[in-house]
Amino acid sequence: MSSHLDDMPEETEAQQAPEESAEDSVRSQRWRLIRDLLVFVVKASLEAVRDIALIPAALIAGFAGVVFSPSKPDAYFQRVLEVGDEFDEFVDLFGKEKRRRSGSRFDPAEEAELGEDRYRIDEFFERIEKVMIEEVKRGGVTAQAKAAIDHGLDAIHDAVGSTSSPRSRATPVAKPVKR
């Protein structure tokens, strides 16, 4: 038995190319979102661990300052604050440094304060991303996993029936008849 899709004329390569590039663009945007979400979750988790560690450290530093440094009781506590601030710059949870480098609007005073020589966790994520991209280009396990995830996400997207994607416009779907 033939489906309604079998009765449709085949598209030429020229007709398929724009749809494929639009679909690739959607997939690219989807992967960028997945990457950004994963990076944010890892960064936020690191910030949570930092907070859990800084609370007792601040209490101990405050107590130690009062007991061991009566002339300057906040010295140890201030050092804890400096460590927390350095960690914030390292993690850069909301990507201020990346936006600054890309030319986004930024507070000039804050921009002057940020140094180019500081290592940030984003550099670590960029290295991992480069390795994964190279693996995909070679067609290794990462490429197979990416293809399987793309296929699964496309299937979910098709099941939801969104009309906003090039994929859903490229493949007409018969609507169920209500009785």
N, C-alpha and C. Protein backbone atom coordinates (compact mmCIF):
# COMPACT_ATOMS: atom_id res chain seq x y z
N MET A 1 0.84 -1.17 0.00
CA MET A 1 0.00 0.00 0.00
C MET A 1 0.89 1.23 0.00
N SER A 2 0.58 2.20 -0.85
CA SER A 2 1.42 3.39 -0.91
C SER A 2 0.83 4.50 -0.05
N SER A 3 1.71 5.31 0.50
CA SER A 3 1.26 6.43 1.34
C SER A 3 1.14 7.66 0.48
N HIS A 4 0.59 8.70 1.05
CA HIS A 4 0.47 9.96 0.32
C HIS A 4 1.83 10.56 0.00
N LEU A 5 2.83 10.18 0.74
CA LEU A 5 4.18 10.69 0.47
C LEU A 5 4.76 10.08 -0.79
N ASP A 6 4.35 8.85 -1.12
CA ASP A 6 4.85 8.20 -2.33
C ASP A 6 4.29 8.89 -3.58
N ASP A 7 3.13 9.52 -3.48
CA ASP A 7 2.51 10.16 -4.62
C ASP A 7 3.07 11.55 -4.89
N MET A 8 3.84 12.07 -3.98
CA MET A 8 4.39 13.42 -4.13
C MET A 8 5.58 13.39 -5.09
N PRO A 9 5.75 14.43 -5.91
CA PRO A 9 6.91 14.47 -6.82
C PRO A 9 8.20 14.57 -6.01
N GLU A 10 9.23 13.94 -6.54
CA GLU A 10 10.53 14.01 -5.86
C GLU A 10 11.12 15.39 -6.06
N GLU A 11 11.79 15.85 -5.03
CA GLU A 11 12.41 17.18 -5.10
C GLU A 11 13.76 17.06 -5.79
N THR A 12 14.12 18.11 -6.50
CA THR A 12 15.44 18.13 -7.12
C THR A 12 16.46 18.44 -6.05
N GLU A 13 17.74 18.23 -6.36
CA GLU A 13 18.80 18.53 -5.40
C GLU A 13 18.80 20.00 -5.03
N ALA A 14 18.49 20.87 -5.99
CA ALA A 14 18.47 22.31 -5.72
C ALA A 14 17.38 22.66 -4.72
N GLN A 15 16.23 21.95 -4.79
CA GLN A 15 15.17 22.21 -3.85
C GLN A 15 15.52 21.68 -2.46
N GLN A 16 16.24 20.57 -2.40
CA GLN A 16 16.58 19.97 -1.12
C GLN A 16 17.68 20.76 -0.40
N ALA A 17 18.59 21.34 -1.12
CA ALA A 17 19.74 22.01 -0.51
C ALA A 17 19.34 23.10 0.49
N PRO A 18 18.41 24.03 0.11
CA PRO A 18 18.06 25.05 1.10
C PRO A 18 17.40 24.45 2.35
N GLU A 19 16.59 23.42 2.17
CA GLU A 19 15.94 22.80 3.32
C GLU A 19 16.97 22.10 4.19
N GLU A 20 17.93 21.44 3.56
CA GLU A 20 18.96 20.76 4.34
C GLU A 20 19.81 21.78 5.09
N SER A 21 20.14 22.90 4.42
CA SER A 21 20.95 23.89 5.13
C SER A 21 20.15 24.54 6.24
N ALA A 22 18.85 24.73 6.03
CA ALA A 22 18.01 25.28 7.09
C ALA A 22 17.91 24.28 8.24
N GLU A 23 17.78 22.99 7.90
CA GLU A 23 17.73 21.97 8.94
C GLU A 23 19.06 21.90 9.69
N ASP A 24 20.17 22.00 8.94
CA ASP A 24 21.48 22.02 9.60
C ASP A 24 21.60 23.23 10.52
N SER A 25 21.04 24.37 10.11
CA SER A 25 21.08 25.56 10.94
C SER A 25 20.30 25.35 12.24
N VAL A 26 19.12 24.72 12.11
CA VAL A 26 18.33 24.43 13.31
C VAL A 26 19.09 23.48 14.22
N ARG A 27 19.70 22.45 13.64
CA ARG A 27 20.48 21.51 14.44
C ARG A 27 21.66 22.21 15.09
N SER A 28 22.31 23.09 14.36
CA SER A 28 23.45 23.83 14.90
C SER A 28 23.01 24.69 16.09
N GLN A 29 21.88 25.36 15.93
CA GLN A 29 21.36 26.18 17.03
C GLN A 29 20.99 25.30 18.22
N ARG A 30 20.42 24.14 17.93
CA ARG A 30 20.04 23.21 19.00
C ARG A 30 21.28 22.75 19.76
N TRP A 31 22.35 22.41 19.04
CA TRP A 31 23.58 21.96 19.70
C TRP A 31 24.24 23.08 20.48
N ARG A 32 24.16 24.31 19.97
CA ARG A 32 24.71 25.46 20.70
C ARG A 32 23.95 25.62 22.02
N LEU A 33 22.62 25.48 21.97
CA LEU A 33 21.82 25.58 23.19
C LEU A 33 22.19 24.46 24.17
N ILE A 34 22.32 23.24 23.68
CA ILE A 34 22.69 22.11 24.55
C ILE A 34 24.04 22.38 25.19
N ARG A 35 25.00 22.85 24.41
CA ARG A 35 26.34 23.16 24.94
C ARG A 35 26.25 24.24 26.00
N ASP A 36 25.52 25.33 25.69
CA ASP A 36 25.41 26.43 26.63
C ASP A 36 24.72 26.00 27.93
N LEU A 37 23.69 25.16 27.81
CA LEU A 37 23.00 24.65 29.01
C LEU A 37 23.94 23.81 29.86
N LEU A 38 24.69 22.91 29.22
CA LEU A 38 25.61 22.05 29.97
C LEU A 38 26.69 22.89 30.67
N VAL A 39 27.24 23.84 29.95
CA VAL A 39 28.28 24.70 30.54
C VAL A 39 27.69 25.48 31.71
N PHE A 40 26.49 26.02 31.54
CA PHE A 40 25.87 26.79 32.63
C PHE A 40 25.63 25.91 33.85
N VAL A 41 25.13 24.70 33.64
CA VAL A 41 24.85 23.80 34.77
C VAL A 41 26.14 23.45 35.51
N VAL A 42 27.21 23.16 34.76
CA VAL A 42 28.49 22.84 35.41
C VAL A 42 29.00 24.06 36.18
N LYS A 43 28.94 25.23 35.56
CA LYS A 43 29.41 26.44 36.22
C LYS A 43 28.58 26.74 37.48
N ALA A 44 27.26 26.63 37.36
CA ALA A 44 26.40 26.89 38.51
C ALA A 44 26.67 25.89 39.63
N SER A 45 26.95 24.65 39.25
CA SER A 45 27.27 23.63 40.26
C SER A 45 28.58 23.97 40.97
N LEU A 46 29.56 24.43 40.20
CA LEU A 46 30.83 24.85 40.81
C LEU A 46 30.61 26.03 41.77
N GLU A 47 29.75 26.95 41.36
CA GLU A 47 29.44 28.09 42.23
C GLU A 47 28.76 27.61 43.52
N ALA A 48 27.89 26.61 43.40
CA ALA A 48 27.21 26.08 44.60
C ALA A 48 28.22 25.43 45.55
N VAL A 49 29.15 24.67 44.98
CA VAL A 49 30.19 24.05 45.80
C VAL A 49 31.03 25.14 46.46
N ARG A 50 31.34 26.18 45.71
CA ARG A 50 32.09 27.30 46.27
C ARG A 50 31.35 27.92 47.45
N ASP A 51 30.05 28.14 47.29
CA ASP A 51 29.26 28.73 48.36
C ASP A 51 29.25 27.84 49.61
N ILE A 52 29.10 26.54 49.38
CA ILE A 52 29.09 25.61 50.51
C ILE A 52 30.44 25.64 51.24
N ALA A 53 31.52 25.78 50.49
CA ALA A 53 32.85 25.83 51.11
C ALA A 53 33.13 27.18 51.77
N LEU A 54 32.64 28.26 51.16
CA LEU A 54 32.95 29.60 51.70
C LEU A 54 32.21 29.93 52.99
N ILE A 55 31.05 29.36 53.19
CA ILE A 55 30.30 29.69 54.41
C ILE A 55 31.09 29.29 55.66
N PRO A 56 31.51 28.03 55.79
CA PRO A 56 32.30 27.70 56.99
C PRO A 56 33.67 28.40 56.98
N ALA A 57 34.26 28.58 55.79
CA ALA A 57 35.56 29.27 55.74
C ALA A 57 35.43 30.70 56.25
N ALA A 58 34.35 31.38 55.90
CA ALA A 58 34.14 32.75 56.35
C ALA A 58 33.93 32.80 57.86
N LEU A 59 33.15 31.84 58.36
CA LEU A 59 32.93 31.81 59.82
C LEU A 59 34.23 31.55 60.58
N ILE A 60 35.01 30.60 60.08
CA ILE A 60 36.29 30.29 60.73
C ILE A 60 37.24 31.48 60.63
N ALA A 61 37.28 32.11 59.44
CA ALA A 61 38.16 33.27 59.25
C ALA A 61 37.76 34.42 60.17
N GLY A 62 36.46 34.65 60.29
CA GLY A 62 36.00 35.72 61.18
C GLY A 62 36.37 35.44 62.63
N PHE A 63 36.16 34.23 63.07
CA PHE A 63 36.50 33.84 64.44
C PHE A 63 38.01 33.93 64.66
N ALA A 64 38.79 33.40 63.69
CA ALA A 64 40.25 33.43 63.80
C ALA A 64 40.76 34.87 63.83
N GLY A 65 40.15 35.76 63.06
CA GLY A 65 40.57 37.15 63.07
C GLY A 65 40.36 37.82 64.41
N VAL A 66 39.23 37.53 65.02
CA VAL A 66 38.94 38.10 66.34
C VAL A 66 39.92 37.57 67.38
N VAL A 67 40.24 36.27 67.31
CA VAL A 67 41.09 35.65 68.32
C VAL A 67 42.57 35.94 68.07
N PHE A 68 43.04 35.77 66.82
CA PHE A 68 44.48 35.82 66.53
C PHE A 68 44.98 37.16 66.00
N SER A 69 44.08 38.03 65.57
CA SER A 69 44.52 39.30 65.02
C SER A 69 43.61 40.42 65.52
N PRO A 70 43.67 40.68 66.83
CA PRO A 70 42.75 41.70 67.39
C PRO A 70 42.95 43.09 66.79
N SER A 71 44.16 43.42 66.32
CA SER A 71 44.38 44.75 65.74
C SER A 71 43.74 44.89 64.35
N LYS A 72 43.61 43.79 63.67
CA LYS A 72 42.97 43.79 62.34
C LYS A 72 42.10 42.53 62.23
N PRO A 73 40.96 42.51 62.89
CA PRO A 73 40.15 41.28 62.98
C PRO A 73 39.54 40.81 61.66
N ASP A 74 39.46 41.67 60.67
CA ASP A 74 38.84 41.26 59.40
C ASP A 74 39.84 40.76 58.35
N ALA A 75 41.13 40.66 58.70
CA ALA A 75 42.16 40.29 57.73
C ALA A 75 41.89 38.92 57.09
N TYR A 76 41.61 37.92 57.90
CA TYR A 76 41.36 36.58 57.35
C TYR A 76 40.06 36.53 56.55
N PHE A 77 39.06 37.21 57.07
CA PHE A 77 37.77 37.25 56.38
C PHE A 77 37.90 37.92 55.01
N GLN A 78 38.67 39.01 54.94
CA GLN A 78 38.88 39.69 53.66
C GLN A 78 39.57 38.77 52.65
N ARG A 79 40.48 37.94 53.13
CA ARG A 79 41.15 36.99 52.24
C ARG A 79 40.15 35.97 51.69
N VAL A 80 39.22 35.52 52.52
CA VAL A 80 38.16 34.61 52.05
C VAL A 80 37.33 35.29 50.96
N LEU A 81 37.02 36.55 51.17
CA LEU A 81 36.27 37.30 50.15
C LEU A 81 37.06 37.41 48.84
N GLU A 82 38.37 37.63 48.93
CA GLU A 82 39.21 37.71 47.74
C GLU A 82 39.22 36.38 46.98
N VAL A 83 39.34 35.29 47.73
CA VAL A 83 39.32 33.96 47.09
C VAL A 83 37.99 33.74 46.39
N GLY A 84 36.90 34.11 47.03
CA GLY A 84 35.57 33.98 46.41
C GLY A 84 35.46 34.81 45.15
N ASP A 85 35.99 36.03 45.19
CA ASP A 85 35.95 36.91 44.03
C ASP A 85 36.80 36.35 42.89
N GLU A 86 37.98 35.83 43.20
CA GLU A 86 38.84 35.21 42.17
C GLU A 86 38.15 34.01 41.54
N PHE A 87 37.45 33.23 42.37
CA PHE A 87 36.73 32.06 41.85
C PHE A 87 35.59 32.51 40.93
N ASP A 88 34.90 33.60 41.30
CA ASP A 88 33.84 34.14 40.44
C ASP A 88 34.39 34.51 39.06
N GLU A 89 35.55 35.16 39.05
CA GLU A 89 36.16 35.54 37.77
C GLU A 89 36.58 34.30 36.97
N PHE A 90 37.06 33.27 37.65
CA PHE A 90 37.48 32.04 37.00
C PHE A 90 36.28 31.34 36.36
N VAL A 91 35.20 31.21 37.09
CA VAL A 91 34.02 30.50 36.58
C VAL A 91 33.25 31.36 35.58
N ASP A 92 33.13 32.65 35.85
CA ASP A 92 32.42 33.57 34.95
C ASP A 92 31.06 33.00 34.56
N LEU A 93 30.23 32.73 35.56
CA LEU A 93 28.96 32.03 35.39
C LEU A 93 28.11 32.59 34.26
N PHE A 94 27.99 33.88 34.16
CA PHE A 94 27.09 34.47 33.17
C PHE A 94 27.81 34.94 31.91
N GLY A 95 29.08 34.59 31.75
CA GLY A 95 29.81 34.85 30.52
C GLY A 95 30.15 36.30 30.26
N LYS A 96 30.35 37.09 31.32
CA LYS A 96 30.69 38.50 31.12
C LYS A 96 31.98 38.65 30.30
N GLU A 97 32.98 37.82 30.61
CA GLU A 97 34.26 37.93 29.90
C GLU A 97 34.09 37.62 28.41
N LYS A 98 33.32 36.60 28.11
CA LYS A 98 33.10 36.23 26.71
C LYS A 98 32.38 37.35 25.97
N ARG A 99 31.37 37.94 26.60
CA ARG A 99 30.66 39.06 25.97
C ARG A 99 31.59 40.26 25.80
N ARG A 100 32.45 40.49 26.76
CA ARG A 100 33.38 41.62 26.66
C ARG A 100 34.32 41.43 25.47
N ARG A 101 34.84 40.19 25.32
CA ARG A 101 35.75 39.91 24.21
C ARG A 101 35.05 40.01 22.87
N SER A 102 33.75 39.74 22.82
CA SER A 102 33.03 39.76 21.55
C SER A 102 32.52 41.16 21.20
N GLY A 103 32.76 42.13 22.07
CA GLY A 103 32.37 43.51 21.77
C GLY A 103 31.02 43.91 22.31
N SER A 104 30.45 43.13 23.21
CA SER A 104 29.18 43.51 23.82
C SER A 104 29.36 44.76 24.66
N ARG A 105 28.25 45.43 24.92
CA ARG A 105 28.31 46.60 25.79
C ARG A 105 28.74 46.17 27.18
N PHE A 106 29.61 46.95 27.76
CA PHE A 106 30.11 46.63 29.09
C PHE A 106 30.44 47.90 29.82
N ASP A 107 30.39 47.84 31.11
CA ASP A 107 30.77 48.95 31.96
C ASP A 107 32.28 49.17 31.80
N PRO A 108 32.75 50.33 31.33
CA PRO A 108 34.18 50.55 31.11
C PRO A 108 35.03 50.33 32.34
N ALA A 109 34.53 50.70 33.52
CA ALA A 109 35.31 50.49 34.75
C ALA A 109 35.48 49.00 35.01
N GLU A 110 34.41 48.25 34.80
CA GLU A 110 34.48 46.80 35.00
C GLU A 110 35.37 46.16 33.93
N GLU A 111 35.29 46.67 32.70
CA GLU A 111 36.10 46.14 31.61
C GLU A 111 37.59 46.34 31.89
N ALA A 112 37.97 47.49 32.40
CA ALA A 112 39.37 47.76 32.71
C ALA A 112 39.86 46.87 33.84
N GLU A 113 38.94 46.50 34.72
CA GLU A 113 39.29 45.67 35.87
C GLU A 113 39.60 44.22 35.46
N LEU A 114 38.95 43.75 34.39
CA LEU A 114 39.16 42.37 33.94
C LEU A 114 40.47 42.27 33.19
N GLY A 115 41.26 41.30 33.51
CA GLY A 115 42.56 41.14 32.86
C GLY A 115 42.52 40.08 31.77
N GLU A 116 43.30 40.28 30.73
CA GLU A 116 43.39 39.33 29.63
C GLU A 116 44.19 38.08 30.02
N ASP A 117 45.05 38.21 31.01
CA ASP A 117 45.97 37.13 31.35
C ASP A 117 45.37 36.09 32.29
N ARG A 118 44.14 36.24 32.67
CA ARG A 118 43.52 35.33 33.62
C ARG A 118 42.95 34.11 32.89
N TYR A 119 43.19 32.95 33.46
CA TYR A 119 42.62 31.71 32.92
C TYR A 119 41.20 31.58 33.44
N ARG A 120 40.29 31.27 32.57
CA ARG A 120 38.90 31.09 32.96
C ARG A 120 38.44 29.71 32.55
N ILE A 121 37.42 29.24 33.22
CA ILE A 121 36.92 27.89 32.96
C ILE A 121 36.38 27.75 31.54
N ASP A 122 35.96 28.85 30.93
CA ASP A 122 35.48 28.79 29.55
C ASP A 122 36.55 28.26 28.60
N GLU A 123 37.80 28.56 28.89
CA GLU A 123 38.89 28.04 28.05
C GLU A 123 38.94 26.52 28.13
N PHE A 124 38.68 25.98 29.29
CA PHE A 124 38.62 24.53 29.46
C PHE A 124 37.48 23.95 28.62
N PHE A 125 36.30 24.57 28.68
CA PHE A 125 35.16 24.08 27.90
C PHE A 125 35.43 24.21 26.40
N GLU A 126 36.10 25.28 25.99
CA GLU A 126 36.43 25.47 24.57
C GLU A 126 37.36 24.36 24.08
N ARG A 127 38.31 23.95 24.91
CA ARG A 127 39.21 22.86 24.53
C ARG A 127 38.44 21.55 24.37
N ILE A 128 37.55 21.26 25.30
CA ILE A 128 36.73 20.04 25.21
C ILE A 128 35.88 20.09 23.95
N GLU A 129 35.29 21.24 23.67
CA GLU A 129 34.45 21.38 22.49
C GLU A 129 35.25 21.15 21.21
N LYS A 130 36.46 21.69 21.13
CA LYS A 130 37.30 21.49 19.95
C LYS A 130 37.61 20.01 19.73
N VAL A 131 37.93 19.30 20.81
CA VAL A 131 38.22 17.86 20.70
C VAL A 131 36.98 17.12 20.19
N MET A 132 35.81 17.47 20.72
CA MET A 132 34.58 16.80 20.29
C MET A 132 34.27 17.11 18.83
N ILE A 133 34.48 18.34 18.40
CA ILE A 133 34.22 18.71 17.01
C ILE A 133 35.15 17.94 16.08
N GLU A 134 36.42 17.83 16.46
CA GLU A 134 37.37 17.06 15.65
C GLU A 134 36.95 15.59 15.57
N GLU A 135 36.46 15.05 16.67
CA GLU A 135 36.00 13.66 16.71
C GLU A 135 34.79 13.48 15.79
N VAL A 136 33.87 14.45 15.78
CA VAL A 136 32.71 14.37 14.90
C VAL A 136 33.15 14.41 13.45
N LYS A 137 34.11 15.29 13.13
CA LYS A 137 34.60 15.39 11.75
C LYS A 137 35.26 14.10 11.29
N ARG A 138 35.92 13.40 12.21
CA ARG A 138 36.55 12.12 11.85
C ARG A 138 35.53 10.99 11.74
N GLY A 139 34.33 11.22 12.23
CA GLY A 139 33.28 10.21 12.14
C GLY A 139 33.36 9.16 13.22
N GLY A 140 33.97 9.47 14.34
CA GLY A 140 34.13 8.51 15.43
C GLY A 140 32.86 8.35 16.25
N VAL A 141 33.03 7.83 17.44
CA VAL A 141 31.91 7.55 18.33
C VAL A 141 31.10 8.82 18.61
N THR A 142 31.78 9.95 18.78
CA THR A 142 31.08 11.19 19.05
C THR A 142 30.16 11.56 17.90
N ALA A 143 30.60 11.34 16.67
CA ALA A 143 29.77 11.63 15.50
C ALA A 143 28.55 10.72 15.48
N GLN A 144 28.74 9.46 15.82
CA GLN A 144 27.61 8.52 15.85
C GLN A 144 26.62 8.94 16.95
N ALA A 145 27.14 9.33 18.09
CA ALA A 145 26.28 9.77 19.18
C ALA A 145 25.52 11.04 18.79
N LYS A 146 26.22 11.98 18.15
CA LYS A 146 25.58 13.22 17.71
C LYS A 146 24.48 12.91 16.71
N ALA A 147 24.75 12.03 15.76
CA ALA A 147 23.74 11.67 14.76
C ALA A 147 22.52 11.02 15.42
N ALA A 148 22.76 10.15 16.39
CA ALA A 148 21.65 9.49 17.09
C ALA A 148 20.84 10.50 17.89
N ILE A 149 21.53 11.44 18.55
CA ILE A 149 20.82 12.46 19.33
C ILE A 149 20.04 13.37 18.39
N ASP A 150 20.67 13.78 17.27
CA ASP A 150 19.95 14.61 16.28
C ASP A 150 18.69 13.90 15.81
N HIS A 151 18.82 12.62 15.48
CA HIS A 151 17.67 11.84 15.00
C HIS A 151 16.58 11.81 16.07
N GLY A 152 16.95 11.56 17.31
CA GLY A 152 15.99 11.53 18.40
C GLY A 152 15.31 12.87 18.62
N LEU A 153 16.09 13.94 18.61
CA LEU A 153 15.52 15.27 18.79
C LEU A 153 14.61 15.64 17.63
N ASP A 154 15.01 15.27 16.40
CA ASP A 154 14.15 15.52 15.24
C ASP A 154 12.83 14.77 15.38
N ALA A 155 12.89 13.53 15.85
CA ALA A 155 11.67 12.74 16.03
C ALA A 155 10.76 13.38 17.08
N ILE A 156 11.35 13.84 18.17
CA ILE A 156 10.56 14.51 19.21
C ILE A 156 9.93 15.77 18.65
N HIS A 157 10.74 16.53 17.92
CA HIS A 157 10.25 17.78 17.34
C HIS A 157 9.11 17.49 16.37
N ASP A 158 9.24 16.46 15.54
CA ASP A 158 8.18 16.09 14.60
C ASP A 158 6.93 15.62 15.33
N ALA A 159 7.12 14.89 16.42
CA ALA A 159 5.97 14.39 17.19
C ALA A 159 5.19 15.53 17.83
N VAL A 160 5.91 16.56 18.25
CA VAL A 160 5.26 17.71 18.85
C VAL A 160 4.50 18.48 17.78
N GLY A 161 5.01 18.40 16.54
CA GLY A 161 4.30 19.00 15.41
C GLY A 161 4.50 20.48 15.25
N SER A 162 5.65 20.98 15.65
CA SER A 162 5.92 22.40 15.51
C SER A 162 6.00 22.76 14.04
N THR A 163 5.40 23.88 13.67
CA THR A 163 5.47 24.35 12.29
C THR A 163 6.56 25.38 12.09
N SER A 164 7.35 25.62 13.12
CA SER A 164 8.36 26.66 13.02
C SER A 164 9.68 26.16 12.44
N SER A 165 9.85 24.85 12.32
CA SER A 165 11.14 24.35 11.84
C SER A 165 11.10 24.06 10.36
N PRO A 166 12.23 24.19 9.68
CA PRO A 166 12.30 23.85 8.26
C PRO A 166 11.94 22.38 8.02
N ARG A 167 12.28 21.54 8.98
CA ARG A 167 12.02 20.11 8.83
C ARG A 167 10.52 19.85 8.74
N SER A 168 9.73 20.52 9.58
CA SER A 168 8.30 20.27 9.58
C SER A 168 7.64 20.85 8.33
N ARG A 169 8.22 21.90 7.75
CA ARG A 169 7.67 22.45 6.52
C ARG A 169 8.06 21.61 5.33
N ALA A 170 9.19 20.91 5.40
CA ALA A 170 9.68 20.13 4.28
C ALA A 170 8.91 18.84 4.10
N THR A 171 8.37 18.28 5.16
CA THR A 171 7.68 17.01 5.07
C THR A 171 6.23 17.21 5.49
N PRO A 172 5.31 17.27 4.49
CA PRO A 172 3.92 17.46 4.87
C PRO A 172 3.38 16.24 5.62
N VAL A 173 2.58 16.52 6.61
CA VAL A 173 1.99 15.46 7.43
C VAL A 173 0.47 15.57 7.34
N ALA A 174 -0.18 14.46 7.07
CA ALA A 174 -1.65 14.46 7.00
C ALA A 174 -2.20 14.65 8.40
N LYS A 175 -3.19 15.54 8.50
CA LYS A 175 -3.81 15.78 9.80
C LYS A 175 -4.91 14.76 10.02
N PRO A 176 -5.05 14.31 11.28
CA PRO A 176 -6.10 13.32 11.56
C PRO A 176 -7.49 13.93 11.36
N VAL A 177 -8.40 13.13 10.89
CA VAL A 177 -9.77 13.58 10.66
C VAL A 177 -10.57 13.30 11.93
N LYS A 178 -11.24 14.34 12.43
CA LYS A 178 -12.08 14.17 13.62
C LYS A 178 -13.43 13.67 13.20
N ARG A 179 -13.96 12.71 13.93
CA ARG A 179 -15.30 12.17 13.60
C ARG A 179 -16.29 12.51 14.65
